[in-house]
Amino acid sequence: MEKPITRKQHGFTDYSYIPLVAAAPVLASFENEPTAVTLTRVLSGSILASSLFTRAEWGLVKALPFKAHLAADTAVGVLAASAPWLFGFANNTRARNTFLAIGAFGIMAGLLSKPEEMP
């Protein structure tokens, strides 16, 4: 299957994902769920670190191979999608649905990006 997301497009999605996930508790109104709020900060921070260290046009340090970055995105997406049940906030509909969307986005970004390393 031809993967539609280029490495440059993936960088744009990463740097868009970071502030949106960090702001999710306010945007989706689940500020009263401290575990979910903390987890949004951890997820956005981990994607920021991963992005800054990825060997791509948009990486600052260029140490992490792009294929490893994609694997990490997929793993973080799976974690985010399962987080409501793993961390006990599945009864909060807004937080649960937000994490399902965050997870789906991460999984799709990881699986639908072309795994071409930067020359």
N, C-alpha and C. Protein backbone atom coordinates (compact mmCIF):
# COMPACT_ATOMS: atom_id res chain seq x y z
N MET A 1 0.83 -1.18 0.00
CA MET A 1 0.00 0.00 0.00
C MET A 1 0.89 1.25 0.00
N GLU A 2 0.57 2.16 -0.87
CA GLU A 2 1.29 3.43 -0.93
C GLU A 2 0.88 4.29 0.26
N LYS A 3 1.86 4.76 1.00
CA LYS A 3 1.58 5.56 2.19
C LYS A 3 1.51 7.03 1.77
N PRO A 4 0.44 7.73 2.14
CA PRO A 4 0.20 9.08 1.61
C PRO A 4 0.92 10.22 2.33
N ILE A 5 1.47 10.00 3.51
CA ILE A 5 2.04 11.11 4.28
C ILE A 5 3.56 11.13 4.11
N THR A 6 4.08 12.24 3.61
CA THR A 6 5.52 12.38 3.42
C THR A 6 6.18 12.72 4.77
N ARG A 7 7.49 12.64 4.81
CA ARG A 7 8.23 12.96 6.02
C ARG A 7 8.00 14.42 6.41
N LYS A 8 8.00 15.33 5.45
CA LYS A 8 7.77 16.75 5.74
C LYS A 8 6.35 16.98 6.27
N GLN A 9 5.37 16.33 5.67
CA GLN A 9 3.99 16.45 6.15
C GLN A 9 3.86 15.89 7.57
N HIS A 10 4.59 14.81 7.83
CA HIS A 10 4.54 14.20 9.16
C HIS A 10 5.07 15.20 10.20
N GLY A 11 6.12 15.91 9.86
CA GLY A 11 6.65 16.92 10.78
C GLY A 11 5.62 17.99 11.08
N PHE A 12 4.88 18.42 10.06
CA PHE A 12 3.82 19.41 10.27
C PHE A 12 2.76 18.85 11.22
N THR A 13 2.37 17.58 11.03
CA THR A 13 1.35 17.00 11.90
C THR A 13 1.87 16.89 13.34
N ASP A 14 3.13 16.54 13.50
CA ASP A 14 3.70 16.44 14.86
C ASP A 14 3.65 17.79 15.57
N TYR A 15 4.13 18.82 14.90
CA TYR A 15 4.18 20.13 15.54
C TYR A 15 2.79 20.76 15.68
N SER A 16 1.78 20.25 15.01
CA SER A 16 0.39 20.66 15.23
C SER A 16 -0.22 19.87 16.38
N TYR A 17 0.15 18.60 16.47
CA TYR A 17 -0.36 17.69 17.49
C TYR A 17 0.04 18.14 18.89
N ILE A 18 1.24 18.62 19.05
CA ILE A 18 1.80 18.95 20.37
C ILE A 18 0.93 19.98 21.11
N PRO A 19 0.67 21.16 20.55
CA PRO A 19 -0.15 22.12 21.30
C PRO A 19 -1.61 21.70 21.43
N LEU A 20 -2.14 20.99 20.43
CA LEU A 20 -3.53 20.54 20.51
C LEU A 20 -3.74 19.54 21.64
N VAL A 21 -2.81 18.60 21.79
CA VAL A 21 -2.92 17.61 22.87
C VAL A 21 -2.72 18.30 24.22
N ALA A 22 -1.79 19.22 24.29
CA ALA A 22 -1.56 19.94 25.55
C ALA A 22 -2.79 20.76 25.95
N ALA A 23 -3.50 21.30 24.97
CA ALA A 23 -4.69 22.12 25.24
C ALA A 23 -5.98 21.30 25.32
N ALA A 24 -5.91 20.02 25.06
CA ALA A 24 -7.11 19.18 25.02
C ALA A 24 -7.98 19.25 26.27
N PRO A 25 -7.41 19.27 27.48
CA PRO A 25 -8.29 19.34 28.66
C PRO A 25 -9.20 20.58 28.66
N VAL A 26 -8.69 21.70 28.19
CA VAL A 26 -9.51 22.92 28.12
C VAL A 26 -10.44 22.85 26.92
N LEU A 27 -9.92 22.44 25.77
CA LEU A 27 -10.74 22.38 24.55
C LEU A 27 -11.90 21.40 24.67
N ALA A 28 -11.67 20.28 25.33
CA ALA A 28 -12.72 19.25 25.46
C ALA A 28 -13.39 19.26 26.84
N SER A 29 -13.02 20.20 27.67
CA SER A 29 -13.64 20.39 28.99
C SER A 29 -13.53 19.17 29.91
N PHE A 30 -12.30 18.71 30.12
CA PHE A 30 -12.10 17.68 31.13
C PHE A 30 -10.97 18.06 32.09
N GLU A 31 -10.91 19.35 32.42
CA GLU A 31 -9.89 19.84 33.35
C GLU A 31 -10.05 19.25 34.74
N ASN A 32 -11.23 18.72 35.04
CA ASN A 32 -11.49 18.14 36.36
C ASN A 32 -11.04 16.69 36.48
N GLU A 33 -10.33 16.18 35.46
CA GLU A 33 -9.82 14.80 35.45
C GLU A 33 -8.30 14.86 35.53
N PRO A 34 -7.73 14.95 36.75
CA PRO A 34 -6.29 15.22 36.87
C PRO A 34 -5.38 14.21 36.19
N THR A 35 -5.75 12.95 36.20
CA THR A 35 -4.91 11.95 35.55
C THR A 35 -4.87 12.17 34.05
N ALA A 36 -6.01 12.45 33.45
CA ALA A 36 -6.08 12.69 32.01
C ALA A 36 -5.34 13.98 31.64
N VAL A 37 -5.47 15.00 32.48
CA VAL A 37 -4.76 16.26 32.23
C VAL A 37 -3.25 16.03 32.24
N THR A 38 -2.78 15.32 33.25
CA THR A 38 -1.34 15.03 33.35
C THR A 38 -0.88 14.23 32.14
N LEU A 39 -1.67 13.26 31.75
CA LEU A 39 -1.30 12.42 30.61
C LEU A 39 -1.23 13.21 29.31
N THR A 40 -2.09 14.21 29.13
CA THR A 40 -1.98 15.03 27.91
C THR A 40 -0.65 15.77 27.89
N ARG A 41 -0.21 16.23 29.06
CA ARG A 41 1.08 16.93 29.13
C ARG A 41 2.24 15.98 28.83
N VAL A 42 2.15 14.77 29.36
CA VAL A 42 3.19 13.77 29.11
C VAL A 42 3.23 13.39 27.63
N LEU A 43 2.07 13.16 27.04
CA LEU A 43 2.02 12.79 25.62
C LEU A 43 2.56 13.90 24.73
N SER A 44 2.12 15.14 24.97
CA SER A 44 2.60 16.23 24.11
C SER A 44 4.09 16.47 24.32
N GLY A 45 4.56 16.33 25.54
CA GLY A 45 5.99 16.49 25.80
C GLY A 45 6.82 15.39 25.16
N SER A 46 6.32 14.17 25.17
CA SER A 46 7.08 13.07 24.57
C SER A 46 7.13 13.20 23.05
N ILE A 47 6.04 13.67 22.46
CA ILE A 47 6.05 13.88 21.00
C ILE A 47 6.96 15.05 20.65
N LEU A 48 6.98 16.08 21.48
CA LEU A 48 7.90 17.20 21.25
C LEU A 48 9.35 16.72 21.28
N ALA A 49 9.70 15.95 22.30
CA ALA A 49 11.07 15.43 22.41
C ALA A 49 11.41 14.54 21.22
N SER A 50 10.49 13.67 20.89
CA SER A 50 10.70 12.76 19.76
C SER A 50 10.90 13.55 18.46
N SER A 51 10.09 14.57 18.27
CA SER A 51 10.19 15.38 17.04
C SER A 51 11.49 16.15 16.97
N LEU A 52 11.89 16.74 18.08
CA LEU A 52 13.12 17.52 18.10
C LEU A 52 14.36 16.66 17.84
N PHE A 53 14.30 15.39 18.23
CA PHE A 53 15.46 14.51 18.08
C PHE A 53 15.40 13.62 16.84
N THR A 54 14.39 13.77 16.00
CA THR A 54 14.25 12.92 14.82
C THR A 54 15.14 13.40 13.68
N ARG A 55 15.72 12.44 12.99
CA ARG A 55 16.56 12.72 11.82
C ARG A 55 15.63 12.99 10.63
N ALA A 56 15.18 14.25 10.57
CA ALA A 56 14.28 14.70 9.51
C ALA A 56 14.51 16.20 9.34
N GLU A 57 13.91 16.75 8.30
CA GLU A 57 14.09 18.18 8.01
C GLU A 57 13.70 19.04 9.20
N TRP A 58 12.71 18.64 9.94
CA TRP A 58 12.15 19.42 11.05
C TRP A 58 12.74 19.05 12.40
N GLY A 59 13.66 18.11 12.43
CA GLY A 59 14.30 17.74 13.70
C GLY A 59 15.41 18.71 14.03
N LEU A 60 15.60 18.99 15.30
CA LEU A 60 16.64 19.93 15.71
C LEU A 60 17.98 19.22 15.91
N VAL A 61 17.97 18.03 16.54
CA VAL A 61 19.20 17.31 16.86
C VAL A 61 19.51 16.22 15.83
N LYS A 62 18.53 15.66 15.19
CA LYS A 62 18.68 14.65 14.13
C LYS A 62 19.44 13.40 14.59
N ALA A 63 19.00 12.83 15.69
CA ALA A 63 19.65 11.63 16.23
C ALA A 63 18.79 10.37 16.06
N LEU A 64 17.48 10.50 16.13
CA LEU A 64 16.56 9.37 16.08
C LEU A 64 16.16 9.06 14.63
N PRO A 65 16.38 7.84 14.15
CA PRO A 65 15.95 7.50 12.78
C PRO A 65 14.44 7.72 12.61
N PHE A 66 14.04 8.15 11.43
CA PHE A 66 12.62 8.43 11.18
C PHE A 66 11.77 7.18 11.38
N LYS A 67 12.27 6.02 11.00
CA LYS A 67 11.51 4.78 11.19
C LYS A 67 11.27 4.52 12.68
N ALA A 68 12.23 4.82 13.53
CA ALA A 68 12.04 4.67 14.98
C ALA A 68 11.01 5.68 15.48
N HIS A 69 11.03 6.87 14.92
CA HIS A 69 10.04 7.89 15.27
C HIS A 69 8.63 7.40 14.94
N LEU A 70 8.48 6.80 13.76
CA LEU A 70 7.17 6.28 13.36
C LEU A 70 6.71 5.15 14.28
N ALA A 71 7.62 4.29 14.66
CA ALA A 71 7.28 3.21 15.60
C ALA A 71 6.85 3.79 16.94
N ALA A 72 7.54 4.82 17.39
CA ALA A 72 7.18 5.47 18.65
C ALA A 72 5.81 6.14 18.55
N ASP A 73 5.53 6.79 17.43
CA ASP A 73 4.21 7.41 17.23
C ASP A 73 3.10 6.36 17.32
N THR A 74 3.31 5.22 16.68
CA THR A 74 2.31 4.16 16.71
C THR A 74 2.12 3.64 18.13
N ALA A 75 3.22 3.42 18.84
CA ALA A 75 3.14 2.93 20.22
C ALA A 75 2.45 3.93 21.14
N VAL A 76 2.77 5.21 20.97
CA VAL A 76 2.14 6.25 21.78
C VAL A 76 0.65 6.32 21.45
N GLY A 77 0.30 6.12 20.19
CA GLY A 77 -1.11 6.11 19.80
C GLY A 77 -1.87 4.97 20.46
N VAL A 78 -1.27 3.80 20.51
CA VAL A 78 -1.89 2.65 21.18
C VAL A 78 -2.05 2.94 22.67
N LEU A 79 -1.02 3.50 23.28
CA LEU A 79 -1.09 3.86 24.70
C LEU A 79 -2.20 4.88 24.94
N ALA A 80 -2.27 5.91 24.11
CA ALA A 80 -3.29 6.95 24.29
C ALA A 80 -4.70 6.36 24.15
N ALA A 81 -4.90 5.49 23.17
CA ALA A 81 -6.23 4.90 22.96
C ALA A 81 -6.64 3.99 24.12
N SER A 82 -5.69 3.38 24.77
CA SER A 82 -6.01 2.49 25.89
C SER A 82 -5.93 3.19 27.24
N ALA A 83 -5.43 4.41 27.28
CA ALA A 83 -5.22 5.15 28.53
C ALA A 83 -6.48 5.30 29.40
N PRO A 84 -7.64 5.57 28.83
CA PRO A 84 -8.81 5.72 29.72
C PRO A 84 -9.06 4.50 30.61
N TRP A 85 -8.79 3.33 30.11
CA TRP A 85 -8.99 2.11 30.89
C TRP A 85 -7.76 1.79 31.74
N LEU A 86 -6.58 2.04 31.20
CA LEU A 86 -5.35 1.79 31.96
C LEU A 86 -5.22 2.71 33.17
N PHE A 87 -5.65 3.96 33.02
CA PHE A 87 -5.46 4.96 34.07
C PHE A 87 -6.74 5.34 34.80
N GLY A 88 -7.84 4.65 34.49
CA GLY A 88 -9.06 4.78 35.27
C GLY A 88 -9.94 6.00 35.05
N PHE A 89 -9.95 6.56 33.84
CA PHE A 89 -10.86 7.68 33.60
C PHE A 89 -11.82 7.39 32.42
N ALA A 90 -12.10 6.11 32.19
CA ALA A 90 -12.99 5.73 31.09
C ALA A 90 -14.42 6.21 31.29
N ASN A 91 -14.81 6.48 32.52
CA ASN A 91 -16.18 6.95 32.77
C ASN A 91 -16.37 8.42 32.44
N ASN A 92 -15.28 9.14 32.24
CA ASN A 92 -15.37 10.54 31.84
C ASN A 92 -15.43 10.55 30.31
N THR A 93 -16.63 10.74 29.79
CA THR A 93 -16.86 10.63 28.34
C THR A 93 -15.98 11.56 27.54
N ARG A 94 -15.85 12.79 27.97
CA ARG A 94 -15.05 13.77 27.21
C ARG A 94 -13.57 13.37 27.17
N ALA A 95 -13.03 12.99 28.32
CA ALA A 95 -11.62 12.58 28.38
C ALA A 95 -11.42 11.29 27.59
N ARG A 96 -12.31 10.33 27.78
CA ARG A 96 -12.18 9.05 27.07
C ARG A 96 -12.20 9.26 25.56
N ASN A 97 -13.17 9.99 25.06
CA ASN A 97 -13.29 10.19 23.62
C ASN A 97 -12.13 10.99 23.05
N THR A 98 -11.64 11.95 23.82
CA THR A 98 -10.47 12.72 23.38
C THR A 98 -9.26 11.81 23.25
N PHE A 99 -9.05 10.93 24.23
CA PHE A 99 -7.91 10.03 24.17
C PHE A 99 -8.07 8.99 23.05
N LEU A 100 -9.28 8.59 22.77
CA LEU A 100 -9.49 7.69 21.62
C LEU A 100 -9.12 8.40 20.32
N ALA A 101 -9.48 9.67 20.20
CA ALA A 101 -9.14 10.44 19.00
C ALA A 101 -7.62 10.68 18.91
N ILE A 102 -7.01 11.03 20.04
CA ILE A 102 -5.55 11.22 20.07
C ILE A 102 -4.85 9.93 19.66
N GLY A 103 -5.33 8.82 20.19
CA GLY A 103 -4.74 7.52 19.87
C GLY A 103 -4.88 7.17 18.40
N ALA A 104 -6.08 7.38 17.87
CA ALA A 104 -6.31 7.08 16.45
C ALA A 104 -5.41 7.93 15.57
N PHE A 105 -5.27 9.20 15.93
CA PHE A 105 -4.40 10.10 15.16
C PHE A 105 -2.96 9.62 15.19
N GLY A 106 -2.48 9.25 16.37
CA GLY A 106 -1.10 8.78 16.50
C GLY A 106 -0.84 7.50 15.73
N ILE A 107 -1.78 6.58 15.81
CA ILE A 107 -1.63 5.31 15.09
C ILE A 107 -1.62 5.56 13.58
N MET A 108 -2.55 6.39 13.11
CA MET A 108 -2.60 6.68 11.67
C MET A 108 -1.35 7.41 11.20
N ALA A 109 -0.87 8.38 12.00
CA ALA A 109 0.34 9.11 11.62
C ALA A 109 1.53 8.16 11.53
N GLY A 110 1.61 7.22 12.46
CA GLY A 110 2.71 6.26 12.45
C GLY A 110 2.64 5.26 11.31
N LEU A 111 1.43 4.82 11.00
CA LEU A 111 1.28 3.78 9.99
C LEU A 111 1.12 4.30 8.57
N LEU A 112 0.69 5.55 8.39
CA LEU A 112 0.42 6.07 7.06
C LEU A 112 1.52 6.99 6.53
N SER A 113 2.60 7.13 7.27
CA SER A 113 3.72 7.96 6.81
C SER A 113 4.73 7.10 6.07
N LYS A 114 5.27 7.66 5.00
CA LYS A 114 6.31 6.96 4.23
C LYS A 114 7.56 6.85 5.10
N PRO A 115 8.07 5.65 5.31
CA PRO A 115 9.22 5.47 6.21
C PRO A 115 10.56 5.71 5.54
N GLU A 116 10.67 6.78 4.78
CA GLU A 116 11.91 7.09 4.06
C GLU A 116 12.83 7.91 4.96
N GLU A 117 14.02 7.38 5.17
CA GLU A 117 15.00 8.09 5.99
C GLU A 117 15.56 9.28 5.21
N MET A 118 15.98 10.27 5.94
CA MET A 118 16.58 11.46 5.34
C MET A 118 18.00 11.11 4.86
N PRO A 119 18.38 11.56 3.65
CA PRO A 119 19.72 11.24 3.14
C PRO A 119 20.81 11.89 3.97
